Amino acid sequence: MSTDFLEHPLDAASVRVLGALAEKAATTPDNYPLTLSSLMAACNQTSNRDPVLELDEPTVLNSVGELRRRSLVSEVYRSDSRARRYRHLLADSLHLHSAEIAVLGVLMLRGAQTAGEIRTRTARLHQFEDLPRLELTLNALMTLPQPLLVQLPRQPGQKEVRYAHLLAGEPQAEAAEQPEPEVSPEPDRMAALEQDVASLRAELAELRARLDEFQRQFV
């Protein structure tokens, strides 16, 4: 089993599978562990996902196989069903408690987020009484012998720092938004603008001439 995610990161599909299992374990316990079809639906749902993915069955099965090899997912059977089902092993393999799993779950499903966003979005999975309680959990995940969370550098224009999981390795630095370069008008458009300016000047000259003529009537 490898838990060094910086050296052996999970791919995007495996992160989505693991995050979906962590979410459904808390939100739909009656249907958990998940069948393959339920797991695919959870991975590909359009709500509470960023980005929205369209993982096919071979991709999900391949991710499940990788996560099983790393002791992060197990295959189980229920007495009331013959279908294979899957559950995550975050508590067993990484020794995480429910609050930590909730934080990792929303980060796996929705990407980097601020502390306020994490607290709001984990409400279905775990209730944090206040931000200080959440921050204790964030700090715990960042100070593990093998850290699972990182605080991202504040980007220009951002008021709050964001946090990202490390299951897929070190997050790539986000490029600062650059202003779009000015585009020179096309030659035809420039000619049209010059013609418009000339017409306006001619109209202005005509108006001035009429005003002068009107004023002379009262001299």
C-alpha atoms as a PDB file:
ATOM      1  CA  MET A   1       0.000   0.000   0.000  1.00  0.00           C
ATOM      2  CA  SER A   2       1.313   3.436  -0.947  1.00  0.00           C
ATOM      3  CA  THR A   3       0.030   6.477   0.920  1.00  0.00           C
ATOM      4  CA  ASP A   4       2.714   8.872  -0.323  1.00  0.00           C
ATOM      5  CA  PHE A   5       0.411  10.845  -2.594  1.00  0.00           C
ATOM      6  CA  LEU A   6       3.075  13.389  -3.513  1.00  0.00           C
ATOM      7  CA  GLU A   7       5.240  10.636  -4.946  1.00  0.00           C
ATOM      8  CA  HIS A   8       2.392   8.414  -6.181  1.00  0.00           C
ATOM      9  CA  PRO A   9      -0.595  10.707  -6.818  1.00  0.00           C
ATOM     10  CA  LEU A  10      -4.067   9.503  -7.710  1.00  0.00           C
ATOM     11  CA  ASP A  11      -5.448  10.444 -11.112  1.00  0.00           C
ATOM     12  CA  ALA A  12      -8.568  12.574 -11.534  1.00  0.00           C
ATOM     13  CA  ALA A  13     -10.891   9.601 -12.024  1.00  0.00           C
ATOM     14  CA  SER A  14      -9.669   7.856  -8.866  1.00  0.00           C
ATOM     15  CA  VAL A  15     -10.058  11.062  -6.872  1.00  0.00           C
ATOM     16  CA  ARG A  16     -13.644  11.382  -8.109  1.00  0.00           C
ATOM     17  CA  VAL A  17     -14.439   7.744  -7.233  1.00  0.00           C
ATOM     18  CA  LEU A  18     -12.982   8.087  -3.738  1.00  0.00           C
ATOM     19  CA  GLY A  19     -14.729  11.412  -3.160  1.00  0.00           C
ATOM     20  CA  ALA A  20     -18.068  10.026  -4.335  1.00  0.00           C
ATOM     21  CA  LEU A  21     -17.784   7.070  -1.945  1.00  0.00           C
ATOM     22  CA  ALA A  22     -16.899   9.374   0.953  1.00  0.00           C
ATOM     23  CA  GLU A  23     -19.924  11.559   0.201  1.00  0.00           C
ATOM     24  CA  LYS A  24     -22.487   8.770  -0.245  1.00  0.00           C
ATOM     25  CA  ALA A  25     -21.342   6.945   2.891  1.00  0.00           C
ATOM     26  CA  ALA A  26     -22.566   9.972   4.852  1.00  0.00           C
ATOM     27  CA  THR A  27     -25.538  11.135   2.776  1.00  0.00           C
ATOM     28  CA  THR A  28     -27.137   7.840   1.619  1.00  0.00           C
ATOM     29  CA  PRO A  29     -26.171   5.250   4.249  1.00  0.00           C
ATOM     30  CA  ASP A  30     -29.108   2.971   3.344  1.00  0.00           C
ATOM     31  CA  ASN A  31     -27.715   2.505  -0.169  1.00  0.00           C
ATOM     32  CA  TYR A  32     -24.092   2.269   0.930  1.00  0.00           C
ATOM     33  CA  PRO A  33     -21.781   0.533   0.017  1.00  0.00           C
ATOM     34  CA  LEU A  34     -22.454   1.484  -3.601  1.00  0.00           C
ATOM     35  CA  THR A  35     -23.057  -0.797  -6.556  1.00  0.00           C
ATOM     36  CA  LEU A  36     -21.095  -0.067  -9.714  1.00  0.00           C
ATOM     37  CA  SER A  37     -24.050   1.677 -11.347  1.00  0.00           C
ATOM     38  CA  SER A  38     -24.676   3.800  -8.246  1.00  0.00           C
ATOM     39  CA  LEU A  39     -20.998   4.673  -8.046  1.00  0.00           C
ATOM     40  CA  MET A  40     -20.944   5.754 -11.701  1.00  0.00           C
ATOM     41  CA  ALA A  41     -24.024   7.924 -11.131  1.00  0.00           C
ATOM     42  CA  ALA A  42     -22.382   9.502  -8.082  1.00  0.00           C
ATOM     43  CA  CYS A  43     -19.195  10.217 -10.020  1.00  0.00           C
ATOM     44  CA  ASN A  44     -21.034  11.774 -12.966  1.00  0.00           C
ATOM     45  CA  GLN A  45     -23.764  13.723 -11.210  1.00  0.00           C
ATOM     46  CA  THR A  46     -23.933  17.394 -12.158  1.00  0.00           C
ATOM     47  CA  SER A  47     -24.717  18.832  -8.712  1.00  0.00           C
ATOM     48  CA  ASN A  48     -21.988  19.401  -6.111  1.00  0.00           C
ATOM     49  CA  ARG A  49     -19.261  18.533  -8.634  1.00  0.00           C
ATOM     50  CA  ASP A  50     -16.498  20.684 -10.085  1.00  0.00           C
ATOM     51  CA  PRO A  51     -15.647  19.796 -12.737  1.00  0.00           C
ATOM     52  CA  VAL A  52     -18.570  17.703 -13.953  1.00  0.00           C
ATOM     53  CA  LEU A  53     -17.186  14.454 -15.403  1.00  0.00           C
ATOM     54  CA  GLU A  54     -18.501  11.698 -17.654  1.00  0.00           C
ATOM     55  CA  LEU A  55     -16.673   8.587 -16.488  1.00  0.00           C
ATOM     56  CA  ASP A  56     -17.547   5.355 -18.300  1.00  0.00           C
ATOM     57  CA  GLU A  57     -17.720   1.904 -16.700  1.00  0.00           C
ATOM     58  CA  PRO A  58     -14.187   0.768 -17.673  1.00  0.00           C
ATOM     59  CA  THR A  59     -12.703   3.969 -16.253  1.00  0.00           C
ATOM     60  CA  VAL A  60     -14.562   3.616 -12.958  1.00  0.00           C
ATOM     61  CA  LEU A  61     -13.607  -0.051 -12.677  1.00  0.00           C
ATOM     62  CA  ASN A  62      -9.979   0.774 -13.413  1.00  0.00           C
ATOM     63  CA  SER A  63     -10.041   3.447 -10.695  1.00  0.00           C
ATOM     64  CA  VAL A  64     -11.668   1.046  -8.244  1.00  0.00           C
ATOM     65  CA  GLY A  65      -8.916  -1.477  -8.984  1.00  0.00           C
ATOM     66  CA  GLU A  66      -6.212   1.120  -8.360  1.00  0.00           C
ATOM     67  CA  LEU A  67      -7.837   2.259  -5.121  1.00  0.00           C
ATOM     68  CA  ARG A  68      -8.209  -1.355  -3.955  1.00  0.00           C
ATOM     69  CA  ARG A  69      -4.505  -1.986  -4.619  1.00  0.00           C
ATOM     70  CA  ARG A  70      -3.749   1.005  -2.431  1.00  0.00           C
ATOM     71  CA  SER A  71      -6.138  -0.170   0.307  1.00  0.00           C
ATOM     72  CA  LEU A  72      -8.353   2.887  -0.083  1.00  0.00           C
ATOM     73  CA  VAL A  73     -11.423   1.003  -1.359  1.00  0.00           C
ATOM     74  CA  SER A  74     -12.746  -2.489  -0.704  1.00  0.00           C
ATOM     75  CA  GLU A  75     -15.227  -4.703  -2.539  1.00  0.00           C
ATOM     76  CA  VAL A  76     -18.045  -6.062  -0.416  1.00  0.00           C
ATOM     77  CA  TYR A  77     -21.277  -8.031  -0.750  1.00  0.00           C
ATOM     78  CA  ARG A  78     -24.514  -7.470   1.097  1.00  0.00           C
ATOM     79  CA  SER A  79     -26.786 -10.293   2.172  1.00  0.00           C
ATOM     80  CA  ASP A  80     -29.737  -8.660   0.416  1.00  0.00           C
ATOM     81  CA  SER A  81     -27.996  -8.288  -2.948  1.00  0.00           C
ATOM     82  CA  ARG A  82     -25.823 -10.325  -5.280  1.00  0.00           C
ATOM     83  CA  ALA A  83     -24.256  -7.216  -6.809  1.00  0.00           C
ATOM     84  CA  ARG A  84     -20.721  -6.239  -5.946  1.00  0.00           C
ATOM     85  CA  ARG A  85     -20.520  -3.092  -3.880  1.00  0.00           C
ATOM     86  CA  TYR A  86     -17.730  -0.722  -2.965  1.00  0.00           C
ATOM     87  CA  ARG A  87     -16.817   1.279   0.109  1.00  0.00           C
ATOM     88  CA  HIS A  88     -13.951   3.597   0.964  1.00  0.00           C
ATOM     89  CA  LEU A  89     -11.316   2.792   3.598  1.00  0.00           C
ATOM     90  CA  LEU A  90     -10.211   6.315   4.500  1.00  0.00           C
ATOM     91  CA  ALA A  91     -10.860   5.746   8.186  1.00  0.00           C
ATOM     92  CA  ASP A  92      -9.031   2.402   8.223  1.00  0.00           C
ATOM     93  CA  SER A  93      -6.054   3.038   5.946  1.00  0.00           C
ATOM     94  CA  LEU A  94      -5.400   6.721   6.634  1.00  0.00           C
ATOM     95  CA  HIS A  95      -6.732   6.741  10.231  1.00  0.00           C
ATOM     96  CA  LEU A  96      -9.098   9.636   9.589  1.00  0.00           C
ATOM     97  CA  HIS A  97     -12.184  10.542  11.598  1.00  0.00           C
ATOM     98  CA  SER A  98     -15.517  11.669  10.146  1.00  0.00           C
ATOM     99  CA  ALA A  99     -14.741  15.398  10.180  1.00  0.00           C
ATOM    100  CA  GLU A 100     -11.499  14.874   8.265  1.00  0.00           C
ATOM    101  CA  ILE A 101     -13.198  12.567   5.749  1.00  0.00           C
ATOM    102  CA  ALA A 102     -15.919  15.182   5.202  1.00  0.00           C
ATOM    103  CA  VAL A 103     -13.355  17.877   4.435  1.00  0.00           C
ATOM    104  CA  LEU A 104     -11.399  15.661   2.062  1.00  0.00           C
ATOM    105  CA  GLY A 105     -14.635  14.532   0.436  1.00  0.00           C
ATOM    106  CA  VAL A 106     -15.816  17.991  -0.590  1.00  0.00           C
ATOM    107  CA  LEU A 107     -12.315  18.954  -1.738  1.00  0.00           C
ATOM    108  CA  MET A 108     -12.085  15.823  -3.889  1.00  0.00           C
ATOM    109  CA  LEU A 109     -15.480  16.537  -5.436  1.00  0.00           C
ATOM    110  CA  ARG A 110     -15.313  20.314  -5.864  1.00  0.00           C
ATOM    111  CA  GLY A 111     -11.669  21.361  -5.940  1.00  0.00           C
ATOM    112  CA  ALA A 112      -9.909  24.034  -3.892  1.00  0.00           C
ATOM    113  CA  GLN A 113     -12.145  26.035  -1.547  1.00  0.00           C
ATOM    114  CA  THR A 114     -12.057  28.615   1.242  1.00  0.00           C
ATOM    115  CA  ALA A 115     -12.714  27.621   4.842  1.00  0.00           C
ATOM    116  CA  GLY A 116     -16.186  29.174   4.648  1.00  0.00           C
ATOM    117  CA  GLU A 117     -17.043  27.221   1.517  1.00  0.00           C
ATOM    118  CA  ILE A 118     -15.787  23.992   3.066  1.00  0.00           C
ATOM    119  CA  ARG A 119     -17.879  24.495   6.203  1.00  0.00           C
ATOM    120  CA  THR A 120     -21.018  25.152   4.151  1.00  0.00           C
ATOM    121  CA  ARG A 121     -20.493  22.224   1.804  1.00  0.00           C
ATOM    122  CA  THR A 122     -19.613  19.689   4.487  1.00  0.00           C
ATOM    123  CA  ALA A 123     -22.888  20.312   6.345  1.00  0.00           C
ATOM    124  CA  ARG A 124     -24.475  17.206   4.794  1.00  0.00           C
ATOM    125  CA  LEU A 125     -21.490  15.074   5.793  1.00  0.00           C
ATOM    126  CA  HIS A 126     -20.411  16.551   9.141  1.00  0.00           C
ATOM    127  CA  GLN A 127     -21.624  19.515  11.191  1.00  0.00           C
ATOM    128  CA  PHE A 128     -18.866  21.927  12.212  1.00  0.00           C
ATOM    129  CA  GLU A 129     -20.171  24.155  15.011  1.00  0.00           C
ATOM    130  CA  ASP A 130     -18.072  27.103  13.889  1.00  0.00           C
ATOM    131  CA  LEU A 131     -15.069  28.070  11.762  1.00  0.00           C
ATOM    132  CA  PRO A 132     -12.529  27.540  14.598  1.00  0.00           C
ATOM    133  CA  ARG A 133     -13.653  23.877  14.829  1.00  0.00           C
ATOM    134  CA  LEU A 134     -13.221  23.520  11.081  1.00  0.00           C
ATOM    135  CA  GLU A 135      -9.811  25.177  11.205  1.00  0.00           C
ATOM    136  CA  LEU A 136      -8.670  22.599  13.776  1.00  0.00           C
ATOM    137  CA  THR A 137      -9.562  19.878  11.299  1.00  0.00           C
ATOM    138  CA  LEU A 138      -7.808  21.696   8.456  1.00  0.00           C
ATOM    139  CA  ASN A 139      -4.678  22.066  10.544  1.00  0.00           C
ATOM    140  CA  ALA A 140      -4.822  18.400  11.538  1.00  0.00           C
ATOM    141  CA  LEU A 141      -4.900  17.329   7.887  1.00  0.00           C
ATOM    142  CA  MET A 142      -2.020  19.663   7.039  1.00  0.00           C
ATOM    143  CA  THR A 143       0.215  18.450   9.876  1.00  0.00           C
ATOM    144  CA  LEU A 144      -0.137  14.689   9.468  1.00  0.00           C
ATOM    145  CA  PRO A 145       3.149  12.766   9.008  1.00  0.00           C
ATOM    146  CA  GLN A 146       1.946  12.437   5.398  1.00  0.00           C
ATOM    147  CA  PRO A 147       0.007  15.703   4.875  1.00  0.00           C
ATOM    148  CA  LEU A 148      -3.272  15.356   3.002  1.00  0.00           C
ATOM    149  CA  LEU A 149      -4.103  19.050   2.754  1.00  0.00           C
ATOM    150  CA  VAL A 150      -2.308  22.226   1.738  1.00  0.00           C
ATOM    151  CA  GLN A 151      -3.085  25.916   2.037  1.00  0.00           C
ATOM    152  CA  LEU A 152      -2.733  27.566  -1.360  1.00  0.00           C
ATOM    153  CA  PRO A 153      -0.982  30.923  -1.843  1.00  0.00           C
ATOM    154  CA  ARG A 154      -3.459  33.781  -2.029  1.00  0.00           C
ATOM    155  CA  GLN A 155      -3.936  34.895  -5.617  1.00  0.00           C
ATOM    156  CA  PRO A 156      -4.205  38.580  -6.613  1.00  0.00           C
ATOM    157  CA  GLY A 157      -7.728  39.807  -6.000  1.00  0.00           C
ATOM    158  CA  GLN A 158      -8.600  37.003  -3.559  1.00  0.00           C
ATOM    159  CA  LYS A 159      -9.646  37.986  -0.041  1.00  0.00           C
ATOM    160  CA  GLU A 160      -9.422  34.508   1.534  1.00  0.00           C
ATOM    161  CA  VAL A 161      -6.957  31.661   1.260  1.00  0.00           C
ATOM    162  CA  ARG A 162      -8.120  28.369  -0.189  1.00  0.00           C
ATOM    163  CA  TYR A 163      -7.300  24.777   0.679  1.00  0.00           C
ATOM    164  CA  ALA A 164      -6.688  21.798  -1.608  1.00  0.00           C
ATOM    165  CA  HIS A 165      -6.207  18.077  -0.994  1.00  0.00           C
ATOM    166  CA  LEU A 166      -2.905  16.370  -1.816  1.00  0.00           C
ATOM    167  CA  LEU A 167      -4.298  12.999  -2.924  1.00  0.00           C
ATOM    168  CA  ALA A 168      -3.550  13.925  -6.534  1.00  0.00           C
ATOM    169  CA  GLY A 169      -0.117  15.321  -5.668  1.00  0.00           C
ATOM    170  CA  GLU A 170       0.950  18.922  -5.284  1.00  0.00           C
ATOM    171  CA  PRO A 171      -1.678  21.260  -6.769  1.00  0.00           C
ATOM    172  CA  GLN A 172      -0.492  23.168  -9.782  1.00  0.00           C
ATOM    173  CA  ALA A 173      -0.119  26.884  -9.242  1.00  0.00           C
ATOM    174  CA  GLU A 174      -2.946  28.808 -10.805  1.00  0.00           C
ATOM    175  CA  ALA A 175      -1.883  31.328 -13.370  1.00  0.00           C
ATOM    176  CA  ALA A 176      -2.857  34.863 -12.473  1.00  0.00           C
ATOM    177  CA  GLU A 177      -5.415  36.286 -14.811  1.00  0.00           C
ATOM    178  CA  GLN A 178      -3.770  38.506 -17.383  1.00  0.00           C
ATOM    179  CA  PRO A 179      -5.586  41.392 -19.068  1.00  0.00           C
ATOM    180  CA  GLU A 180      -6.475  40.625 -22.628  1.00  0.00           C
ATOM    181  CA  PRO A 181      -4.105  42.311 -25.091  1.00  0.00           C
ATOM    182  CA  GLU A 182      -5.524  45.190 -27.054  1.00  0.00           C
ATOM    183  CA  VAL A 183      -6.370  44.193 -30.580  1.00  0.00           C
ATOM    184  CA  SER A 184      -5.680  46.702 -33.303  1.00  0.00           C
ATOM    185  CA  PRO A 185      -8.706  47.460 -35.457  1.00  0.00           C
ATOM    186  CA  GLU A 186      -8.777  45.691 -38.799  1.00  0.00           C
ATOM    187  CA  PRO A 187      -7.898  47.847 -41.828  1.00  0.00           C
ATOM    188  CA  ASP A 188     -11.493  47.901 -43.142  1.00  0.00           C
ATOM    189  CA  ARG A 189     -12.807  48.835 -39.721  1.00  0.00           C
ATOM    190  CA  MET A 190     -10.201  51.591 -39.386  1.00  0.00           C
ATOM    191  CA  ALA A 191     -11.202  53.046 -42.740  1.00  0.00           C
ATOM    192  CA  ALA A 192     -14.854  53.027 -41.697  1.00  0.00           C
ATOM    193  CA  LEU A 193     -14.014  54.809 -38.439  1.00  0.00           C
ATOM    194  CA  GLU A 194     -12.041  57.466 -40.281  1.00  0.00           C
ATOM    195  CA  GLN A 195     -14.969  58.025 -42.647  1.00  0.00           C
ATOM    196  CA  ASP A 196     -17.355  58.397 -39.691  1.00  0.00           C
ATOM    197  CA  VAL A 197     -15.080  60.975 -38.085  1.00  0.00           C
ATOM    198  CA  ALA A 198     -14.880  62.931 -41.308  1.00  0.00           C
ATOM    199  CA  SER A 199     -18.678  62.925 -41.640  1.00  0.00           C
ATOM    200  CA  LEU A 200     -19.100  64.166 -38.069  1.00  0.00           C
ATOM    201  CA  ARG A 201     -16.625  66.970 -38.665  1.00  0.00           C
ATOM    202  CA  ALA A 202     -18.501  68.020 -41.799  1.00  0.00           C
ATOM    203  CA  GLU A 203     -21.826  68.043 -39.942  1.00  0.00           C
ATOM    204  CA  LEU A 204     -20.283  70.100 -37.131  1.00  0.00           C
ATOM    205  CA  ALA A 205     -18.900  72.639 -39.615  1.00  0.00           C
ATOM    206  CA  GLU A 206     -22.346  72.939 -41.223  1.00  0.00           C
ATOM    207  CA  LEU A 207     -24.004  73.503 -37.852  1.00  0.00           C
ATOM    208  CA  ARG A 208     -21.497  76.217 -36.990  1.00  0.00           C
ATOM    209  CA  ALA A 209     -22.148  77.947 -40.321  1.00  0.00           C
ATOM    210  CA  ARG A 210     -25.893  77.915 -39.723  1.00  0.00           C
ATOM    211  CA  LEU A 211     -25.401  79.297 -36.203  1.00  0.00           C
ATOM    212  CA  ASP A 212     -23.224  82.150 -37.540  1.00  0.00           C
ATOM    213  CA  GLU A 213     -25.850  82.987 -40.166  1.00  0.00           C
ATOM    214  CA  PHE A 214     -28.604  82.962 -37.530  1.00  0.00           C
ATOM    215  CA  GLN A 215     -26.649  85.262 -35.232  1.00  0.00           C
ATOM    216  CA  ARG A 216     -25.971  87.797 -38.057  1.00  0.00           C
ATOM    217  CA  GLN A 217     -29.726  88.335 -38.406  1.00  0.00           C
ATOM    218  CA  PHE A 218     -29.722  90.107 -35.033  1.00  0.00           C
ATOM    219  CA  VAL A 219     -26.665  92.309 -35.565  1.00  0.00           C
END
